[in-house]
Amino acid sequence: MKIAILDDYQNVALQCADWEPLGAEIEVFTEPFAGPDEVVARLAGFDVVVAMRERTPFPAAVFDRLPELKLLVSTGRRNAAIDLDAAKRRGVVVSATGALAAPTVEHAWALILAGARNLPLEFRSMREGGWQVGLGMALREKTLGLLGLGRLGAEVARIGQAFGMKPIAWSQNLTPERAAEHGVTAVSKEDLFAQSDVLSVHLVLSERTRGLVGAAELAAMKPTALLVNTSRGPIVDESALVEALRGKTIAAAALDVYDVEPLPSDHPLRTLDNAILTPHIGYVSRETYEIFYGGAVEDIAAFQAGEPINVLNG
């Protein structure tokens, strides 16, 4: 059996689980593939592929050109980059692993605090021999807006309450009763953007959420507001966000996700002092990777034994 481990940017997959019992030939790819043609060229001949979240897409056209692929393991239980129906048609089993929510919630708060207190600029000033360079924003009594109140949004709200913030939320299907269960006030979409001092995005990317935060929504926000996105880049119109940051329509944005990842080196977001950027590390922790890769080994072992587990495509 030949196993390909994809997009292991930190080259840690083999350290985070015991792959030896599989008795397989394993190749680790630490760089992203340029596109579908490279995916097909580099993965030809592999029986099993372990995909890290949604970093490498697997549409029907890729499955059709990988006839030897038998098992695709997705780290985490949701992966919009995999065409499950196409995999099933080609006889490819798609299995999933467990995941942790806490690291992403913690990182969302790292970004909120970094944005509220201008930490990147203060860090830079200290490194350059300077001292205080700006005024931070205290969070107590401020309004924490949550675009989405699922598992992650509810956890972010709970921590916001510990800071003394007032949480409000909106999503297409959120009811006042559901929000109240978490001590959150459900508001209209318009009020969410107008009232939030900090607005944190916690929606799943879909056709109805793609571009949901556009120029009009950004223009409705307070000029002192902070936008935080640890969900998926395309939920926020990236071009509109760049313009809003340049024009100081909002005070700052703290982002962990982008339209194109890795973020191109010449992207305009990298030039803006009021853009706080991290490289999609919300879920990247040793504990998460041990669950991801340990789960991948379990999925592969079960497949070898003829009894696949955690199957996503029936």
C-alpha atoms as a PDB file:
ATOM      1  CA  MET A   1       0.000   0.000   0.000  1.00  0.00           C
ATOM      2  CA  LYS A   2       1.212   3.484  -0.917  1.00  0.00           C
ATOM      3  CA  ILE A   3       0.013   6.386   1.216  1.00  0.00           C
ATOM      4  CA  ALA A   4       0.314  10.096   0.374  1.00  0.00           C
ATOM      5  CA  ILE A   5       0.022  12.644   3.181  1.00  0.00           C
ATOM      6  CA  LEU A   6      -0.848  16.034   1.693  1.00  0.00           C
ATOM      7  CA  ASP A   7      -0.204  19.625   2.720  1.00  0.00           C
ATOM      8  CA  ASP A   8       1.809  18.815   5.824  1.00  0.00           C
ATOM      9  CA  TYR A   9       3.257  22.336   5.865  1.00  0.00           C
ATOM     10  CA  GLN A  10       5.107  21.859   9.157  1.00  0.00           C
ATOM     11  CA  ASN A  11       6.304  18.322   8.245  1.00  0.00           C
ATOM     12  CA  VAL A  12       4.926  16.876  11.486  1.00  0.00           C
ATOM     13  CA  ALA A  13       2.473  14.181  10.349  1.00  0.00           C
ATOM     14  CA  LEU A  14       4.853  11.294  10.941  1.00  0.00           C
ATOM     15  CA  GLN A  15       5.597  12.606  14.463  1.00  0.00           C
ATOM     16  CA  CYS A  16       1.949  12.941  15.454  1.00  0.00           C
ATOM     17  CA  ALA A  17       0.907   9.298  15.017  1.00  0.00           C
ATOM     18  CA  ASP A  18       2.385   5.790  14.819  1.00  0.00           C
ATOM     19  CA  TRP A  19       2.244   4.862  11.137  1.00  0.00           C
ATOM     20  CA  GLU A  20       4.545   1.838  11.441  1.00  0.00           C
ATOM     21  CA  PRO A  21       1.818  -0.803  12.018  1.00  0.00           C
ATOM     22  CA  LEU A  22       0.323  -0.022   8.608  1.00  0.00           C
ATOM     23  CA  GLY A  23       3.391  -1.486   6.910  1.00  0.00           C
ATOM     24  CA  ALA A  24       2.918   0.953   4.067  1.00  0.00           C
ATOM     25  CA  GLU A  25       5.104   3.093   1.834  1.00  0.00           C
ATOM     26  CA  ILE A  26       4.428   6.680   2.910  1.00  0.00           C
ATOM     27  CA  GLU A  27       5.284   9.928   1.137  1.00  0.00           C
ATOM     28  CA  VAL A  28       4.717  13.299   2.781  1.00  0.00           C
ATOM     29  CA  PHE A  29       4.025  16.385   0.655  1.00  0.00           C
ATOM     30  CA  THR A  30       4.899  19.588   2.497  1.00  0.00           C
ATOM     31  CA  GLU A  31       4.106  22.071  -0.286  1.00  0.00           C
ATOM     32  CA  PRO A  32       0.699  22.837  -1.795  1.00  0.00           C
ATOM     33  CA  PHE A  33      -0.046  21.599  -5.309  1.00  0.00           C
ATOM     34  CA  ALA A  34      -0.449  24.248  -8.002  1.00  0.00           C
ATOM     35  CA  GLY A  35      -3.704  22.841  -9.384  1.00  0.00           C
ATOM     36  CA  PRO A  36      -5.607  19.730 -10.476  1.00  0.00           C
ATOM     37  CA  ASP A  37      -3.029  18.681 -13.064  1.00  0.00           C
ATOM     38  CA  GLU A  38      -0.277  18.628 -10.454  1.00  0.00           C
ATOM     39  CA  VAL A  39      -2.541  16.787  -8.006  1.00  0.00           C
ATOM     40  CA  VAL A  40      -3.075  14.047 -10.575  1.00  0.00           C
ATOM     41  CA  ALA A  41       0.576  13.922 -11.636  1.00  0.00           C
ATOM     42  CA  ARG A  42       1.950  13.739  -8.084  1.00  0.00           C
ATOM     43  CA  LEU A  43      -0.631  11.306  -6.699  1.00  0.00           C
ATOM     44  CA  ALA A  44      -0.638   8.775  -9.543  1.00  0.00           C
ATOM     45  CA  GLY A  45      -0.059   5.283  -8.161  1.00  0.00           C
ATOM     46  CA  PHE A  46      -1.121   6.002  -4.571  1.00  0.00           C
ATOM     47  CA  ASP A  47      -3.742   3.746  -2.981  1.00  0.00           C
ATOM     48  CA  VAL A  48      -4.493   6.077  -0.061  1.00  0.00           C
ATOM     49  CA  VAL A  49      -4.432   9.841   0.316  1.00  0.00           C
ATOM     50  CA  VAL A  50      -4.643  11.699   3.622  1.00  0.00           C
ATOM     51  CA  ALA A  51      -5.956  15.203   2.967  1.00  0.00           C
ATOM     52  CA  MET A  52      -5.421  17.996   5.493  1.00  0.00           C
ATOM     53  CA  ARG A  53      -8.761  19.755   5.832  1.00  0.00           C
ATOM     54  CA  GLU A  54      -9.682  21.651   2.647  1.00  0.00           C
ATOM     55  CA  ARG A  55      -6.205  22.551   1.470  1.00  0.00           C
ATOM     56  CA  THR A  56      -6.292  20.377  -1.676  1.00  0.00           C
ATOM     57  CA  PRO A  57      -9.567  20.136  -3.639  1.00  0.00           C
ATOM     58  CA  PHE A  58     -10.792  16.760  -4.893  1.00  0.00           C
ATOM     59  CA  PRO A  59     -13.452  17.451  -7.535  1.00  0.00           C
ATOM     60  CA  ALA A  60     -14.851  14.824  -9.902  1.00  0.00           C
ATOM     61  CA  ALA A  61     -12.213  15.599 -12.540  1.00  0.00           C
ATOM     62  CA  VAL A  62      -9.448  14.612 -10.108  1.00  0.00           C
ATOM     63  CA  PHE A  63     -11.097  11.367  -9.006  1.00  0.00           C
ATOM     64  CA  ASP A  64     -11.634  10.419 -12.659  1.00  0.00           C
ATOM     65  CA  ARG A  65      -7.891  10.686 -13.290  1.00  0.00           C
ATOM     66  CA  LEU A  66      -6.719   8.737 -10.226  1.00  0.00           C
ATOM     67  CA  PRO A  67      -7.900   5.178 -10.996  1.00  0.00           C
ATOM     68  CA  GLU A  68      -5.657   3.542  -8.380  1.00  0.00           C
ATOM     69  CA  LEU A  69      -6.949   5.646  -5.484  1.00  0.00           C
ATOM     70  CA  LYS A  70      -9.016   3.508  -3.094  1.00  0.00           C
ATOM     71  CA  LEU A  71      -9.229   5.499   0.140  1.00  0.00           C
ATOM     72  CA  LEU A  72      -9.256   9.231   0.835  1.00  0.00           C
ATOM     73  CA  VAL A  73      -9.007  10.235   4.496  1.00  0.00           C
ATOM     74  CA  SER A  74     -10.194  13.725   5.373  1.00  0.00           C
ATOM     75  CA  THR A  75      -8.942  15.211   8.630  1.00  0.00           C
ATOM     76  CA  GLY A  76     -12.068  16.463  10.379  1.00  0.00           C
ATOM     77  CA  ARG A  77     -15.641  15.477   9.613  1.00  0.00           C
ATOM     78  CA  ARG A  78     -16.497  18.243   7.135  1.00  0.00           C
ATOM     79  CA  ASN A  79     -14.579  18.872   3.923  1.00  0.00           C
ATOM     80  CA  ALA A  80     -16.290  20.943   1.243  1.00  0.00           C
ATOM     81  CA  ALA A  81     -13.304  20.436  -1.076  1.00  0.00           C
ATOM     82  CA  ILE A  82     -14.146  16.761  -1.632  1.00  0.00           C
ATOM     83  CA  ASP A  83     -16.841  15.729  -4.118  1.00  0.00           C
ATOM     84  CA  LEU A  84     -18.275  12.824  -2.143  1.00  0.00           C
ATOM     85  CA  ASP A  85     -20.639  11.708  -4.903  1.00  0.00           C
ATOM     86  CA  ALA A  86     -17.818  11.597  -7.434  1.00  0.00           C
ATOM     87  CA  ALA A  87     -15.692   9.568  -5.034  1.00  0.00           C
ATOM     88  CA  LYS A  88     -18.517   7.090  -4.568  1.00  0.00           C
ATOM     89  CA  ARG A  89     -19.010   6.730  -8.313  1.00  0.00           C
ATOM     90  CA  ARG A  90     -15.312   5.945  -8.715  1.00  0.00           C
ATOM     91  CA  GLY A  91     -15.387   3.446  -5.841  1.00  0.00           C
ATOM     92  CA  VAL A  92     -13.237   5.590  -3.549  1.00  0.00           C
ATOM     93  CA  VAL A  93     -14.066   5.348   0.146  1.00  0.00           C
ATOM     94  CA  VAL A  94     -13.897   8.709   1.946  1.00  0.00           C
ATOM     95  CA  SER A  95     -13.316   8.422   5.678  1.00  0.00           C
ATOM     96  CA  ALA A  96     -13.095  11.151   8.309  1.00  0.00           C
ATOM     97  CA  THR A  97     -11.320  11.726  11.605  1.00  0.00           C
ATOM     98  CA  GLY A  98     -12.198  13.485  14.818  1.00  0.00           C
ATOM     99  CA  ALA A  99     -11.397  17.135  15.473  1.00  0.00           C
ATOM    100  CA  LEU A 100     -11.196  19.728  18.247  1.00  0.00           C
ATOM    101  CA  ALA A 101     -13.158  22.978  18.421  1.00  0.00           C
ATOM    102  CA  ALA A 102     -11.232  24.577  21.283  1.00  0.00           C
ATOM    103  CA  PRO A 103      -8.074  25.607  19.363  1.00  0.00           C
ATOM    104  CA  THR A 104     -10.078  27.638  16.838  1.00  0.00           C
ATOM    105  CA  VAL A 105     -12.064  29.342  19.591  1.00  0.00           C
ATOM    106  CA  GLU A 106      -8.848  30.159  21.426  1.00  0.00           C
ATOM    107  CA  HIS A 107      -7.281  31.552  18.274  1.00  0.00           C
ATOM    108  CA  ALA A 108     -10.339  33.696  17.581  1.00  0.00           C
ATOM    109  CA  TRP A 109      -9.784  35.264  20.995  1.00  0.00           C
ATOM    110  CA  ALA A 110      -6.071  35.684  20.342  1.00  0.00           C
ATOM    111  CA  LEU A 111      -7.015  37.699  17.255  1.00  0.00           C
ATOM    112  CA  ILE A 112      -9.686  39.683  19.094  1.00  0.00           C
ATOM    113  CA  LEU A 113      -7.245  40.672  21.820  1.00  0.00           C
ATOM    114  CA  ALA A 114      -4.474  41.417  19.318  1.00  0.00           C
ATOM    115  CA  GLY A 115      -6.818  43.694  17.368  1.00  0.00           C
ATOM    116  CA  ALA A 116      -8.341  45.379  20.383  1.00  0.00           C
ATOM    117  CA  ARG A 117      -4.938  46.313  21.815  1.00  0.00           C
ATOM    118  CA  ASN A 118      -3.061  46.943  18.529  1.00  0.00           C
ATOM    119  CA  LEU A 119      -0.543  44.274  19.500  1.00  0.00           C
ATOM    120  CA  PRO A 120       1.229  43.835  16.133  1.00  0.00           C
ATOM    121  CA  LEU A 121       2.063  47.562  16.005  1.00  0.00           C
ATOM    122  CA  GLU A 122       3.131  47.572  19.653  1.00  0.00           C
ATOM    123  CA  PHE A 123       5.290  44.462  19.085  1.00  0.00           C
ATOM    124  CA  ARG A 124       6.954  46.123  16.120  1.00  0.00           C
ATOM    125  CA  SER A 125       7.563  49.358  18.013  1.00  0.00           C
ATOM    126  CA  MET A 126       9.292  47.478  20.822  1.00  0.00           C
ATOM    127  CA  ARG A 127      11.450  45.514  18.374  1.00  0.00           C
ATOM    128  CA  GLU A 128      12.476  48.776  16.704  1.00  0.00           C
ATOM    129  CA  GLY A 129      13.419  50.499  19.968  1.00  0.00           C
ATOM    130  CA  GLY A 130      10.194  52.484  20.350  1.00  0.00           C
ATOM    131  CA  TRP A 131       7.467  52.618  22.967  1.00  0.00           C
ATOM    132  CA  GLN A 132       3.680  53.125  22.978  1.00  0.00           C
ATOM    133  CA  VAL A 133       2.211  53.899  19.563  1.00  0.00           C
ATOM    134  CA  GLY A 134      -1.557  53.779  19.899  1.00  0.00           C
ATOM    135  CA  LEU A 135      -4.687  53.564  22.025  1.00  0.00           C
ATOM    136  CA  GLY A 136      -6.231  50.160  22.589  1.00  0.00           C
ATOM    137  CA  MET A 137      -9.901  49.330  23.053  1.00  0.00           C
ATOM    138  CA  ALA A 138     -11.167  47.900  26.349  1.00  0.00           C
ATOM    139  CA  LEU A 139     -13.626  45.037  25.796  1.00  0.00           C
ATOM    140  CA  ARG A 140     -15.807  45.354  28.908  1.00  0.00           C
ATOM    141  CA  GLU A 141     -19.284  46.678  28.051  1.00  0.00           C
ATOM    142  CA  LYS A 142     -18.516  46.484  24.334  1.00  0.00           C
ATOM    143  CA  THR A 143     -20.813  44.620  21.931  1.00  0.00           C
ATOM    144  CA  LEU A 144     -19.548  41.293  20.613  1.00  0.00           C
ATOM    145  CA  GLY A 145     -21.255  40.445  17.340  1.00  0.00           C
ATOM    146  CA  LEU A 146     -21.365  36.821  16.205  1.00  0.00           C
ATOM    147  CA  LEU A 147     -22.075  36.020  12.593  1.00  0.00           C
ATOM    148  CA  GLY A 148     -23.208  32.478  13.295  1.00  0.00           C
ATOM    149  CA  LEU A 149     -23.990  30.907  16.661  1.00  0.00           C
ATOM    150  CA  GLY A 150     -23.116  27.263  16.181  1.00  0.00           C
ATOM    151  CA  ARG A 151     -20.659  25.307  18.299  1.00  0.00           C
ATOM    152  CA  LEU A 152     -17.766  27.729  17.754  1.00  0.00           C
ATOM    153  CA  GLY A 153     -19.805  30.916  17.865  1.00  0.00           C
ATOM    154  CA  ALA A 154     -21.444  29.879  21.123  1.00  0.00           C
ATOM    155  CA  GLU A 155     -18.045  29.198  22.707  1.00  0.00           C
ATOM    156  CA  VAL A 156     -16.712  32.574  21.565  1.00  0.00           C
ATOM    157  CA  ALA A 157     -19.824  34.186  23.076  1.00  0.00           C
ATOM    158  CA  ARG A 158     -19.250  32.433  26.405  1.00  0.00           C
ATOM    159  CA  ILE A 159     -15.705  33.765  26.636  1.00  0.00           C
ATOM    160  CA  GLY A 160     -16.902  37.223  25.615  1.00  0.00           C
ATOM    161  CA  GLN A 161     -19.320  37.166  28.531  1.00  0.00           C
ATOM    162  CA  ALA A 162     -16.389  36.446  30.853  1.00  0.00           C
ATOM    163  CA  PHE A 163     -14.778  39.642  29.542  1.00  0.00           C
ATOM    164  CA  GLY A 164     -17.963  41.542  30.355  1.00  0.00           C
ATOM    165  CA  MET A 165     -18.992  41.957  26.720  1.00  0.00           C
ATOM    166  CA  LYS A 166     -22.585  42.019  25.450  1.00  0.00           C
ATOM    167  CA  PRO A 167     -23.010  39.267  22.810  1.00  0.00           C
ATOM    168  CA  ILE A 168     -25.447  39.586  19.918  1.00  0.00           C
ATOM    169  CA  ALA A 169     -25.808  37.244  16.957  1.00  0.00           C
ATOM    170  CA  TRP A 170     -27.415  36.704  13.580  1.00  0.00           C
ATOM    171  CA  SER A 171     -27.561  33.928  11.032  1.00  0.00           C
ATOM    172  CA  GLN A 172     -30.189  32.863   8.524  1.00  0.00           C
ATOM    173  CA  ASN A 173     -31.753  30.249  10.799  1.00  0.00           C
ATOM    174  CA  LEU A 174     -31.013  31.641  14.264  1.00  0.00           C
ATOM    175  CA  THR A 175     -34.050  32.027  16.511  1.00  0.00           C
ATOM    176  CA  PRO A 176     -34.321  34.229  19.619  1.00  0.00           C
ATOM    177  CA  GLU A 177     -34.898  31.095  21.699  1.00  0.00           C
ATOM    178  CA  ARG A 178     -31.753  29.388  20.425  1.00  0.00           C
ATOM    179  CA  ALA A 179     -29.685  32.534  21.050  1.00  0.00           C
ATOM    180  CA  ALA A 180     -31.109  32.932  24.559  1.00  0.00           C
ATOM    181  CA  GLU A 181     -29.918  29.414  25.453  1.00  0.00           C
ATOM    182  CA  HIS A 182     -26.385  30.832  25.227  1.00  0.00           C
ATOM    183  CA  GLY A 183     -27.120  34.170  26.892  1.00  0.00           C
ATOM    184  CA  VAL A 184     -26.983  35.885  23.490  1.00  0.00           C
ATOM    185  CA  THR A 185     -29.438  38.354  21.961  1.00  0.00           C
ATOM    186  CA  ALA A 186     -30.610  37.540  18.441  1.00  0.00           C
ATOM    187  CA  VAL A 187     -30.732  40.628  16.209  1.00  0.00           C
ATOM    188  CA  SER A 188     -31.299  41.425  12.556  1.00  0.00           C
ATOM    189  CA  LYS A 189     -28.430  41.252  10.113  1.00  0.00           C
ATOM    190  CA  GLU A 190     -28.501  45.052   9.821  1.00  0.00           C
ATOM    191  CA  ASP A 191     -28.282  45.522  13.594  1.00  0.00           C
ATOM    192  CA  LEU A 192     -25.480  42.991  13.880  1.00  0.00           C
ATOM    193  CA  PHE A 193     -23.208  45.023  11.625  1.00  0.00           C
ATOM    194  CA  ALA A 194     -24.308  48.409  12.959  1.00  0.00           C
ATOM    195  CA  GLN A 195     -23.983  47.596  16.659  1.00  0.00           C
ATOM    196  CA  SER A 196     -20.907  45.352  16.891  1.00  0.00           C
ATOM    197  CA  ASP A 197     -17.670  46.678  18.327  1.00  0.00           C
ATOM    198  CA  VAL A 198     -16.108  43.299  17.546  1.00  0.00           C
ATOM    199  CA  LEU A 199     -17.667  41.145  14.823  1.00  0.00           C
ATOM    200  CA  SER A 200     -16.507  37.526  14.676  1.00  0.00           C
ATOM    201  CA  VAL A 201     -17.416  35.229  11.774  1.00  0.00           C
ATOM    202  CA  HIS A 202     -18.482  31.651  12.580  1.00  0.00           C
ATOM    203  CA  LEU A 203     -20.389  30.346   9.563  1.00  0.00           C
ATOM    204  CA  VAL A 204     -19.851  27.368   7.290  1.00  0.00           C
ATOM    205  CA  LEU A 205     -18.925  28.358   3.742  1.00  0.00           C
ATOM    206  CA  SER A 206     -21.774  27.623   1.330  1.00  0.00           C
ATOM    207  CA  GLU A 207     -23.390  29.250  -1.660  1.00  0.00           C
ATOM    208  CA  ARG A 208     -25.592  31.361   0.603  1.00  0.00           C
ATOM    209  CA  THR A 209     -22.721  32.511   2.845  1.00  0.00           C
ATOM    210  CA  ARG A 210     -20.130  33.187   0.132  1.00  0.00           C
ATOM    211  CA  GLY A 211     -19.609  36.968  -0.031  1.00  0.00           C
ATOM    212  CA  LEU A 212     -22.137  37.493   2.773  1.00  0.00           C
ATOM    213  CA  VAL A 213     -19.962  40.260   4.246  1.00  0.00           C
ATOM    214  CA  GLY A 214     -19.624  42.712   1.385  1.00  0.00           C
ATOM    215  CA  ALA A 215     -19.107  46.414   0.848  1.00  0.00           C
ATOM    216  CA  ALA A 216     -22.556  47.350   2.155  1.00  0.00           C
ATOM    217  CA  GLU A 217     -22.119  45.365   5.371  1.00  0.00           C
ATOM    218  CA  LEU A 218     -18.645  46.794   5.990  1.00  0.00           C
ATOM    219  CA  ALA A 219     -19.927  50.312   5.372  1.00  0.00           C
ATOM    220  CA  ALA A 220     -22.621  49.764   7.999  1.00  0.00           C
ATOM    221  CA  MET A 221     -20.070  48.955  10.706  1.00  0.00           C
ATOM    222  CA  LYS A 222     -18.691  51.410  13.241  1.00  0.00           C
ATOM    223  CA  PRO A 223     -15.427  53.097  12.168  1.00  0.00           C
ATOM    224  CA  THR A 224     -13.975  51.815  15.461  1.00  0.00           C
ATOM    225  CA  ALA A 225     -15.046  48.208  14.849  1.00  0.00           C
ATOM    226  CA  LEU A 226     -12.856  45.131  14.543  1.00  0.00           C
ATOM    227  CA  LEU A 227     -13.756  42.323  12.100  1.00  0.00           C
ATOM    228  CA  VAL A 228     -12.436  38.846  12.940  1.00  0.00           C
ATOM    229  CA  ASN A 229     -12.596  35.855  10.595  1.00  0.00           C
ATOM    230  CA  THR A 230     -11.422  32.389  11.632  1.00  0.00           C
ATOM    231  CA  SER A 231     -14.054  30.593   9.550  1.00  0.00           C
ATOM    232  CA  ARG A 232     -13.527  30.700   5.764  1.00  0.00           C
ATOM    233  CA  GLY A 233     -12.078  33.525   3.686  1.00  0.00           C
ATOM    234  CA  PRO A 234     -14.722  33.768   0.949  1.00  0.00           C
ATOM    235  CA  ILE A 235     -17.480  34.550   3.464  1.00  0.00           C
ATOM    236  CA  VAL A 236     -15.996  38.061   3.454  1.00  0.00           C
ATOM    237  CA  ASP A 237     -15.591  39.850   0.117  1.00  0.00           C
ATOM    238  CA  GLU A 238     -11.822  40.236   0.182  1.00  0.00           C
ATOM    239  CA  SER A 239     -11.640  43.150  -2.276  1.00  0.00           C
ATOM    240  CA  ALA A 240     -14.309  45.063  -0.354  1.00  0.00           C
ATOM    241  CA  LEU A 241     -12.447  44.390   2.878  1.00  0.00           C
ATOM    242  CA  VAL A 242      -9.166  45.722   1.492  1.00  0.00           C
ATOM    243  CA  GLU A 243     -10.940  48.916   0.431  1.00  0.00           C
ATOM    244  CA  ALA A 244     -12.647  49.265   3.815  1.00  0.00           C
ATOM    245  CA  LEU A 245      -9.310  48.907   5.614  1.00  0.00           C
ATOM    246  CA  ARG A 246      -7.590  51.370   3.300  1.00  0.00           C
ATOM    247  CA  GLY A 247     -10.395  53.884   3.742  1.00  0.00           C
ATOM    248  CA  LYS A 248     -10.651  53.259   7.512  1.00  0.00           C
ATOM    249  CA  THR A 249     -14.326  52.375   7.145  1.00  0.00           C
ATOM    250  CA  ILE A 250     -13.569  49.966   9.967  1.00  0.00           C
ATOM    251  CA  ALA A 251     -10.660  50.202  12.373  1.00  0.00           C
ATOM    252  CA  ALA A 252      -9.076  46.819  11.696  1.00  0.00           C
ATOM    253  CA  ALA A 253      -9.534  43.245  10.565  1.00  0.00           C
ATOM    254  CA  ALA A 254      -7.944  40.182  12.172  1.00  0.00           C
ATOM    255  CA  LEU A 255      -7.881  37.296   9.719  1.00  0.00           C
ATOM    256  CA  ASP A 256      -6.818  33.670   9.780  1.00  0.00           C
ATOM    257  CA  VAL A 257      -8.475  32.629   6.486  1.00  0.00           C
ATOM    258  CA  TYR A 258      -8.311  33.890   2.902  1.00  0.00           C
ATOM    259  CA  ASP A 259      -9.736  33.396  -0.579  1.00  0.00           C
ATOM    260  CA  VAL A 260      -6.490  31.815  -1.780  1.00  0.00           C
ATOM    261  CA  GLU A 261      -4.295  29.873   0.635  1.00  0.00           C
ATOM    262  CA  PRO A 262      -1.422  30.127   1.219  1.00  0.00           C
ATOM    263  CA  LEU A 263      -1.948  33.880   0.887  1.00  0.00           C
ATOM    264  CA  PRO A 264       0.074  35.179  -2.099  1.00  0.00           C
ATOM    265  CA  SER A 265       3.223  37.023  -1.039  1.00  0.00           C
ATOM    266  CA  ASP A 266       2.171  40.161  -2.935  1.00  0.00           C
ATOM    267  CA  HIS A 267      -1.400  40.266  -1.625  1.00  0.00           C
ATOM    268  CA  PRO A 268      -2.518  43.799  -0.640  1.00  0.00           C
ATOM    269  CA  LEU A 269      -3.651  42.616   2.788  1.00  0.00           C
ATOM    270  CA  ARG A 270       0.019  42.090   3.657  1.00  0.00           C
ATOM    271  CA  THR A 271       0.701  45.818   3.210  1.00  0.00           C
ATOM    272  CA  LEU A 272      -1.965  47.165   5.574  1.00  0.00           C
ATOM    273  CA  ASP A 273      -1.086  48.131   9.148  1.00  0.00           C
ATOM    274  CA  ASN A 274      -4.695  47.604  10.230  1.00  0.00           C
ATOM    275  CA  ALA A 275      -4.804  44.028   8.914  1.00  0.00           C
ATOM    276  CA  ILE A 276      -3.714  41.472  11.522  1.00  0.00           C
ATOM    277  CA  LEU A 277      -2.888  38.279   9.659  1.00  0.00           C
ATOM    278  CA  THR A 278      -2.176  34.695  10.708  1.00  0.00           C
ATOM    279  CA  PRO A 279      -1.656  31.765   8.285  1.00  0.00           C
ATOM    280  CA  HIS A 280      -4.819  29.676   8.904  1.00  0.00           C
ATOM    281  CA  ILE A 281      -3.571  28.279  12.208  1.00  0.00           C
ATOM    282  CA  GLY A 282      -6.849  28.395  14.120  1.00  0.00           C
ATOM    283  CA  TYR A 283      -7.016  24.597  14.257  1.00  0.00           C
ATOM    284  CA  VAL A 284      -3.267  23.981  14.072  1.00  0.00           C
ATOM    285  CA  SER A 285      -2.208  22.618  17.435  1.00  0.00           C
ATOM    286  CA  ARG A 286      -0.337  19.475  18.471  1.00  0.00           C
ATOM    287  CA  GLU A 287      -3.477  18.132  20.128  1.00  0.00           C
ATOM    288  CA  THR A 288      -5.519  18.591  16.960  1.00  0.00           C
ATOM    289  CA  TYR A 289      -2.882  17.014  14.749  1.00  0.00           C
ATOM    290  CA  GLU A 290      -2.586  13.996  17.022  1.00  0.00           C
ATOM    291  CA  ILE A 291      -6.329  13.467  16.635  1.00  0.00           C
ATOM    292  CA  PHE A 292      -6.182  14.070  12.868  1.00  0.00           C
ATOM    293  CA  TYR A 293      -3.263  11.794  12.088  1.00  0.00           C
ATOM    294  CA  GLY A 294      -4.039   9.226  14.772  1.00  0.00           C
ATOM    295  CA  GLY A 295      -7.534   9.017  13.335  1.00  0.00           C
ATOM    296  CA  ALA A 296      -6.129   8.693   9.816  1.00  0.00           C
ATOM    297  CA  VAL A 297      -4.055   5.674  10.897  1.00  0.00           C
ATOM    298  CA  GLU A 298      -7.154   4.091  12.441  1.00  0.00           C
ATOM    299  CA  ASP A 299      -9.174   4.704   9.268  1.00  0.00           C
ATOM    300  CA  ILE A 300      -6.469   3.203   7.065  1.00  0.00           C
ATOM    301  CA  ALA A 301      -6.033   0.158   9.329  1.00  0.00           C
ATOM    302  CA  ALA A 302      -9.773  -0.497   9.256  1.00  0.00           C
ATOM    303  CA  PHE A 303      -9.780  -0.171   5.470  1.00  0.00           C
ATOM    304  CA  GLN A 304      -6.883  -2.645   5.240  1.00  0.00           C
ATOM    305  CA  ALA A 305      -8.930  -5.059   7.355  1.00  0.00           C
ATOM    306  CA  GLY A 306     -11.854  -4.757   4.942  1.00  0.00           C
ATOM    307  CA  GLU A 307     -14.098  -2.911   7.380  1.00  0.00           C
ATOM    308  CA  PRO A 308     -13.904   0.852   6.659  1.00  0.00           C
ATOM    309  CA  ILE A 309     -14.933   3.187   9.475  1.00  0.00           C
ATOM    310  CA  ASN A 310     -16.018   6.845   9.712  1.00  0.00           C
ATOM    311  CA  VAL A 311     -17.185   6.718   6.094  1.00  0.00           C
ATOM    312  CA  LEU A 312     -18.580   9.979   4.693  1.00  0.00           C
ATOM    313  CA  ASN A 313     -19.811   8.759   1.306  1.00  0.00           C
ATOM    314  CA  GLY A 314     -21.767   5.655   2.180  1.00  0.00           C
END
